[in-house]
């Protein structure tokens, strides 16, 4: 199929892009990597009248460490750039571990951090990982900018808290705490396919090996990434044990998620996978924190 007719603009500056968004608002879509938007347009699932291509805004392609704010990633940073970044590998290892799971190399060469978050696909890896890492997002329009916590960003299936005239410019990931552990895993029919279930875990322990803070986040089990709140609370002040892992996996899969059935997997199978992956990733995260 072919997309509906649209007008195309390629601004050469952020100011020009913001002017266009202010002028066209809800009629417009931002084109970043195009790995989600273009297929949706071809199938006419998305029919924007205005397409604003921000690939010329090279100022949004950075990956750097900030002494106060942690790792700062421009919205136009490509998956492949994140995958190769020494800053990401050293300062944000959960993100570094996740990137190879995303689609295939050709897509990672084009897809962007910002595009994935704004598209808000509930089966995508990056929204869940950013939720596990307590990231914050910087949004801009002609009136100024604001910072939104990732916990307030996703509003449902392909939905976000962005205003119609806003552009996502930056993602900030806080510094890792001491004695930090992390893990990511997913189950899909083939590598690069959409996951039937995926999970990201981020935690840190005290000097006695007890969990100080832990987050378990699922994707592909609801309308948005799901923070397993009840299961995560069970980590508080606990040392790792087989009994603890089993209990948390049971709670996460039975109480924290309400998966549906589709062509990829039944709800019951998704619950089973969630239990298995929770136990597996928690064990790996604790092992790293205690090493």
Protein backbone atom coordinates (compact mmCIF):
# COMPACT_ATOMS: atom_id res chain seq x y z
CA UNK A 1 0.00 0.00 0.00
CA UNK A 2 0.93 3.66 -0.31
CA UNK A 3 0.52 6.45 2.24
CA UNK A 4 -2.06 9.18 1.95
CA UNK A 5 -1.01 12.50 0.47
CA UNK A 6 1.03 14.66 2.83
CA UNK A 7 3.18 17.78 2.86
CA UNK A 8 6.87 17.33 3.68
CA UNK A 9 9.11 19.74 5.58
CA UNK A 10 12.74 19.33 6.59
CA UNK A 11 13.70 22.05 9.08
CA UNK A 12 17.36 22.99 9.42
CA UNK A 13 17.09 24.18 13.03
CA UNK A 14 15.18 23.36 16.19
CA UNK A 15 13.54 26.79 16.07
CA UNK A 16 12.20 26.09 12.59
CA UNK A 17 10.94 22.67 13.69
CA UNK A 18 9.17 24.21 16.69
CA UNK A 19 7.60 26.85 14.44
CA UNK A 20 6.24 24.13 12.17
CA UNK A 21 4.87 22.15 15.11
CA UNK A 22 3.24 25.30 16.47
CA UNK A 23 1.69 26.02 13.08
CA UNK A 24 0.41 22.54 12.27
CA UNK A 25 -0.01 20.88 15.69
CA UNK A 26 -2.23 17.82 15.52
CA UNK A 27 -1.96 17.61 11.72
CA UNK A 28 1.78 16.92 11.90
CA UNK A 29 3.97 13.93 12.67
CA UNK A 30 7.69 14.04 13.39
CA UNK A 31 9.85 11.84 11.16
CA UNK A 32 12.94 10.61 13.02
CA UNK A 33 14.18 7.13 12.08
CA UNK A 34 10.89 6.28 10.39
CA UNK A 35 11.03 2.61 11.40
CA UNK A 36 7.59 2.72 13.00
CA UNK A 37 5.94 5.73 11.39
CA UNK A 38 6.64 4.93 7.73
CA UNK A 39 5.20 1.37 7.86
CA UNK A 40 2.17 2.74 9.71
CA UNK A 41 1.71 5.35 6.98
CA UNK A 42 2.07 2.76 4.24
CA UNK A 43 -0.71 0.71 5.83
CA UNK A 44 -2.66 3.93 6.44
CA UNK A 45 -2.75 3.28 10.16
CA UNK A 46 -1.24 6.76 10.43
CA UNK A 47 -2.41 9.48 8.05
CA UNK A 48 -0.63 12.73 8.92
CA UNK A 49 -1.26 15.66 6.63
CA UNK A 50 2.14 17.13 7.50
CA UNK A 51 5.45 15.28 7.88
CA UNK A 52 8.28 17.15 9.63
CA UNK A 53 11.63 15.46 9.05
CA UNK A 54 14.10 16.27 11.86
CA UNK A 55 17.00 14.21 10.52
CA UNK A 56 18.80 17.47 9.77
CA UNK A 57 18.91 18.39 13.46
CA UNK A 58 22.31 16.91 14.29
CA UNK A 59 22.32 18.66 17.67
CA UNK A 60 19.92 15.96 18.89
CA UNK A 61 22.26 13.03 18.20
CA UNK A 62 24.52 13.20 21.26
CA UNK A 63 25.31 10.63 23.95
CA UNK A 64 27.19 12.06 26.92
CA UNK A 65 27.68 11.85 30.66
CA UNK A 66 26.67 14.73 32.91
CA UNK A 67 28.12 15.01 36.42
CA UNK A 68 24.74 15.85 37.98
CA UNK A 69 22.10 14.41 35.67
CA UNK A 70 23.65 11.09 34.60
CA UNK A 71 23.64 9.90 31.00
CA UNK A 72 22.08 12.35 28.56
CA UNK A 73 20.90 11.02 25.21
CA UNK A 74 19.64 13.19 22.38
CA UNK A 75 16.34 12.08 20.91
CA UNK A 76 17.93 11.47 17.48
CA UNK A 77 20.61 9.07 18.78
CA UNK A 78 20.31 5.86 16.73
CA UNK A 79 20.07 2.42 18.29
CA UNK A 80 23.35 1.48 16.61
CA UNK A 81 25.05 4.52 18.15
CA UNK A 82 23.78 3.51 21.58
CA UNK A 83 25.01 -0.03 20.95
CA UNK A 84 28.54 1.20 20.16
CA UNK A 85 28.73 3.92 22.81
CA UNK A 86 31.35 3.51 25.55
CA UNK A 87 29.34 5.88 27.74
CA UNK A 88 26.26 3.66 27.50
CA UNK A 89 28.29 0.47 28.04
CA UNK A 90 29.99 1.81 31.18
CA UNK A 91 27.37 4.08 32.69
CA UNK A 92 24.08 2.50 31.56
CA UNK A 93 24.77 -1.23 31.13
CA UNK A 94 21.09 -2.25 31.20
CA UNK A 95 20.46 -0.17 28.09
CA UNK A 96 23.63 -1.55 26.49
CA UNK A 97 22.47 -5.12 27.16
CA UNK A 98 19.04 -4.40 25.68
CA UNK A 99 19.92 -2.81 22.34
CA UNK A 100 20.91 -6.05 20.50
CA UNK A 101 17.42 -7.43 21.17
CA UNK A 102 15.81 -4.61 19.18
CA UNK A 103 14.82 -5.75 15.69
CA UNK A 104 17.71 -6.23 13.23
CA UNK A 105 20.93 -4.31 12.39
CA UNK A 106 19.38 -2.46 9.45
CA UNK A 107 16.60 -1.13 11.68
CA UNK A 108 19.02 -0.29 14.50
CA UNK A 109 20.99 1.82 12.02
CA UNK A 110 17.95 4.03 11.48
CA UNK A 111 15.70 3.78 14.54
CA UNK A 112 16.11 6.41 17.26
CA UNK A 113 15.79 6.57 21.01
CA UNK A 114 13.26 9.38 20.81
CA UNK A 115 11.20 7.73 18.10
CA UNK A 116 10.77 4.55 20.11
CA UNK A 117 9.61 6.40 23.23
CA UNK A 118 7.21 8.73 21.41
CA UNK A 119 5.73 5.85 19.39
CA UNK A 120 5.00 4.14 22.74
CA UNK A 121 4.57 0.64 21.37
CA UNK A 122 3.69 -1.57 24.37
CA UNK A 123 5.73 -4.39 22.81
CA UNK A 124 8.88 -2.26 22.42
CA UNK A 125 11.97 -2.75 24.56
CA UNK A 126 13.14 0.82 25.20
CA UNK A 127 10.02 2.16 26.96
CA UNK A 128 10.23 -0.65 29.52
CA UNK A 129 13.97 -0.19 30.03
CA UNK A 130 13.61 3.56 30.51
CA UNK A 131 10.89 2.90 33.09
CA UNK A 132 13.19 0.48 34.92
CA UNK A 133 15.93 3.14 34.91
CA UNK A 134 13.73 6.01 36.16
CA UNK A 135 14.55 8.13 33.13
CA UNK A 136 13.18 11.61 32.53
CA UNK A 137 12.27 13.21 29.20
CA UNK A 138 12.82 16.78 28.04
CA UNK A 139 10.02 18.14 25.83
CA UNK A 140 10.04 21.44 23.91
CA UNK A 141 7.57 23.67 22.12
CA UNK A 142 7.56 27.37 21.21
CA UNK A 143 6.52 28.33 24.74
CA UNK A 144 9.51 26.65 26.37
CA UNK A 145 10.44 23.24 27.71
CA UNK A 146 9.44 20.87 30.48
CA UNK A 147 10.80 17.68 31.99
CA UNK A 148 8.47 14.71 32.40
CA UNK A 149 9.25 11.65 34.50
CA UNK A 150 9.01 8.43 32.53
CA UNK A 151 6.43 7.20 35.05
CA UNK A 152 4.08 9.96 33.84
CA UNK A 153 4.85 9.71 30.13
CA UNK A 154 3.00 6.64 28.84
CA UNK A 155 -0.78 6.94 28.89
CA UNK A 156 -1.89 3.77 27.11
CA UNK A 157 -1.67 1.98 23.78
CA UNK A 158 0.60 4.18 21.60
CA UNK A 159 -0.30 7.10 23.87
CA UNK A 160 1.91 9.62 25.67
CA UNK A 161 1.59 12.78 27.75
CA UNK A 162 3.10 14.93 24.98
CA UNK A 163 1.22 17.97 23.76
CA UNK A 164 0.43 18.19 20.05
CA UNK A 165 3.10 20.82 19.40
CA UNK A 166 5.90 19.30 21.51
CA UNK A 167 9.11 17.62 20.38
CA UNK A 168 11.07 15.19 22.53
CA UNK A 169 14.66 16.47 22.63
CA UNK A 170 16.49 14.54 25.35
CA UNK A 171 16.39 11.52 27.62
CA UNK A 172 18.19 11.67 30.99
CA UNK A 173 19.12 8.47 32.83
CA UNK A 174 20.25 8.87 36.47
CA UNK A 175 23.67 7.71 37.63
CA UNK A 176 23.91 4.08 38.70
CA UNK A 177 23.97 3.54 42.47
CA UNK A 178 26.71 1.53 44.15
CA UNK A 179 26.45 -2.28 44.12
CA UNK A 180 24.16 -2.14 41.12
CA UNK A 181 22.66 -5.09 39.28
CA UNK A 182 20.57 -5.32 36.13
CA UNK A 183 19.19 -7.80 33.63
CA UNK A 184 17.07 -7.88 30.49
CA UNK A 185 15.43 -10.78 28.70
CA UNK A 186 12.58 -11.50 26.33
CA UNK A 187 11.00 -14.41 24.52
CA UNK A 188 10.14 -14.12 20.83
CA UNK A 189 9.62 -16.66 18.06
CA UNK A 190 12.74 -15.43 16.27
CA UNK A 191 15.42 -12.96 17.25
CA UNK A 192 14.27 -9.52 16.17
CA UNK A 193 10.56 -10.36 16.24
CA UNK A 194 8.17 -8.70 18.66
CA UNK A 195 8.51 -10.25 22.10
CA UNK A 196 5.70 -12.34 23.51
CA UNK A 197 6.91 -11.18 26.93
CA UNK A 198 9.93 -9.18 28.01
CA UNK A 199 11.28 -7.95 31.34
CA UNK A 200 13.85 -5.42 32.54
CA UNK A 201 15.23 -5.49 36.09
CA UNK A 202 17.25 -2.81 37.87
CA UNK A 203 18.32 -3.01 41.53
CA UNK A 204 21.02 -2.20 44.03
CA UNK A 205 22.02 -3.80 47.33
CA UNK A 206 23.55 -2.59 50.60
CA UNK A 207 26.80 -3.81 52.12
CA UNK A 208 25.01 -6.83 53.58
CA UNK A 209 23.60 -7.83 50.20
CA UNK A 210 20.05 -6.70 50.96
CA UNK A 211 18.11 -5.04 48.18
CA UNK A 212 17.79 -1.28 48.75
CA UNK A 213 15.72 -0.54 45.67
CA UNK A 214 14.50 -2.73 42.86
CA UNK A 215 12.28 -2.34 39.81
CA UNK A 216 10.79 -5.06 37.65
CA UNK A 217 9.18 -3.83 34.42
CA UNK A 218 7.38 -5.91 31.80
CA UNK A 219 6.52 -5.20 28.19
CA UNK A 220 4.20 -6.96 25.74
CA UNK A 221 1.76 -7.73 28.56
CA UNK A 222 -0.52 -4.68 28.45
CA UNK A 223 -1.31 -1.34 26.81
CA UNK A 224 1.98 0.18 28.04
CA UNK A 225 5.10 -0.98 29.87
CA UNK A 226 4.05 -2.38 33.24
CA UNK A 227 5.91 -1.67 36.48
CA UNK A 228 5.44 -4.78 38.64
CA UNK A 229 4.82 -2.78 41.79
CA UNK A 230 3.74 -5.55 44.17
CA UNK A 231 6.58 -7.85 43.14
CA UNK A 232 9.13 -5.03 43.30
CA UNK A 233 8.05 -4.13 46.85
CA UNK A 234 8.87 -7.67 47.96
CA UNK A 235 12.53 -6.98 47.16
CA UNK A 236 12.81 -4.34 49.89
CA UNK A 237 15.57 -5.18 52.43
CA UNK A 238 15.73 -8.78 51.24
CA UNK A 239 18.72 -11.01 50.58
CA UNK A 240 18.51 -13.15 47.48
CA UNK A 241 17.27 -16.70 47.99
CA UNK A 242 15.50 -19.33 45.95
CA UNK A 243 12.38 -18.82 48.05
CA UNK A 244 12.43 -15.05 47.47
CA UNK A 245 12.86 -15.41 43.71
CA UNK A 246 10.03 -17.94 43.50
CA UNK A 247 7.68 -15.79 45.56
CA UNK A 248 8.39 -12.63 43.57
CA UNK A 249 8.01 -14.45 40.26
CA UNK A 250 4.62 -15.80 41.38
CA UNK A 251 3.37 -12.37 42.47
CA UNK A 252 4.66 -10.62 39.35
CA UNK A 253 3.02 -13.07 36.97
CA UNK A 254 -0.27 -13.46 38.84
CA UNK A 255 -0.96 -10.05 40.41
CA UNK A 256 1.02 -7.35 38.61
CA UNK A 257 0.10 -8.08 35.00
CA UNK A 258 -3.10 -8.72 33.04
CA UNK A 259 -1.82 -10.02 29.69
CA UNK A 260 -4.11 -10.59 26.76
CA UNK A 261 -4.17 -13.23 24.05
CA UNK A 262 -3.26 -12.55 20.43
CA UNK A 263 -1.68 -14.25 17.41
CA UNK A 264 1.67 -14.38 19.20
CA UNK A 265 0.70 -16.01 22.52
CA UNK A 266 -2.18 -16.78 24.85
CA UNK A 267 -2.65 -14.92 28.13
CA UNK A 268 -1.82 -18.07 30.12
CA UNK A 269 1.40 -18.62 28.18
CA UNK A 270 2.39 -15.00 28.73
CA UNK A 271 1.89 -15.42 32.47
CA UNK A 272 4.07 -18.53 32.39
CA UNK A 273 6.80 -16.69 30.48
CA UNK A 274 6.58 -13.73 32.85
CA UNK A 275 7.16 -16.01 35.83
CA UNK A 276 10.13 -17.76 34.23
CA UNK A 277 11.73 -14.52 33.02
CA UNK A 278 11.24 -12.74 36.36
CA UNK A 279 13.05 -15.43 38.29
CA UNK A 280 15.82 -15.66 35.70
CA UNK A 281 16.48 -11.93 35.40
CA UNK A 282 16.29 -11.26 39.13
CA UNK A 283 18.91 -13.93 39.77
CA UNK A 284 21.23 -12.38 37.17
CA UNK A 285 20.68 -8.88 38.57
CA UNK A 286 21.48 -9.98 42.13
CA UNK A 287 24.58 -11.84 40.93
CA UNK A 288 25.89 -8.66 39.28
CA UNK A 289 25.10 -6.48 42.30
CA UNK A 290 26.86 -8.90 44.66
CA UNK A 291 29.92 -9.49 42.45
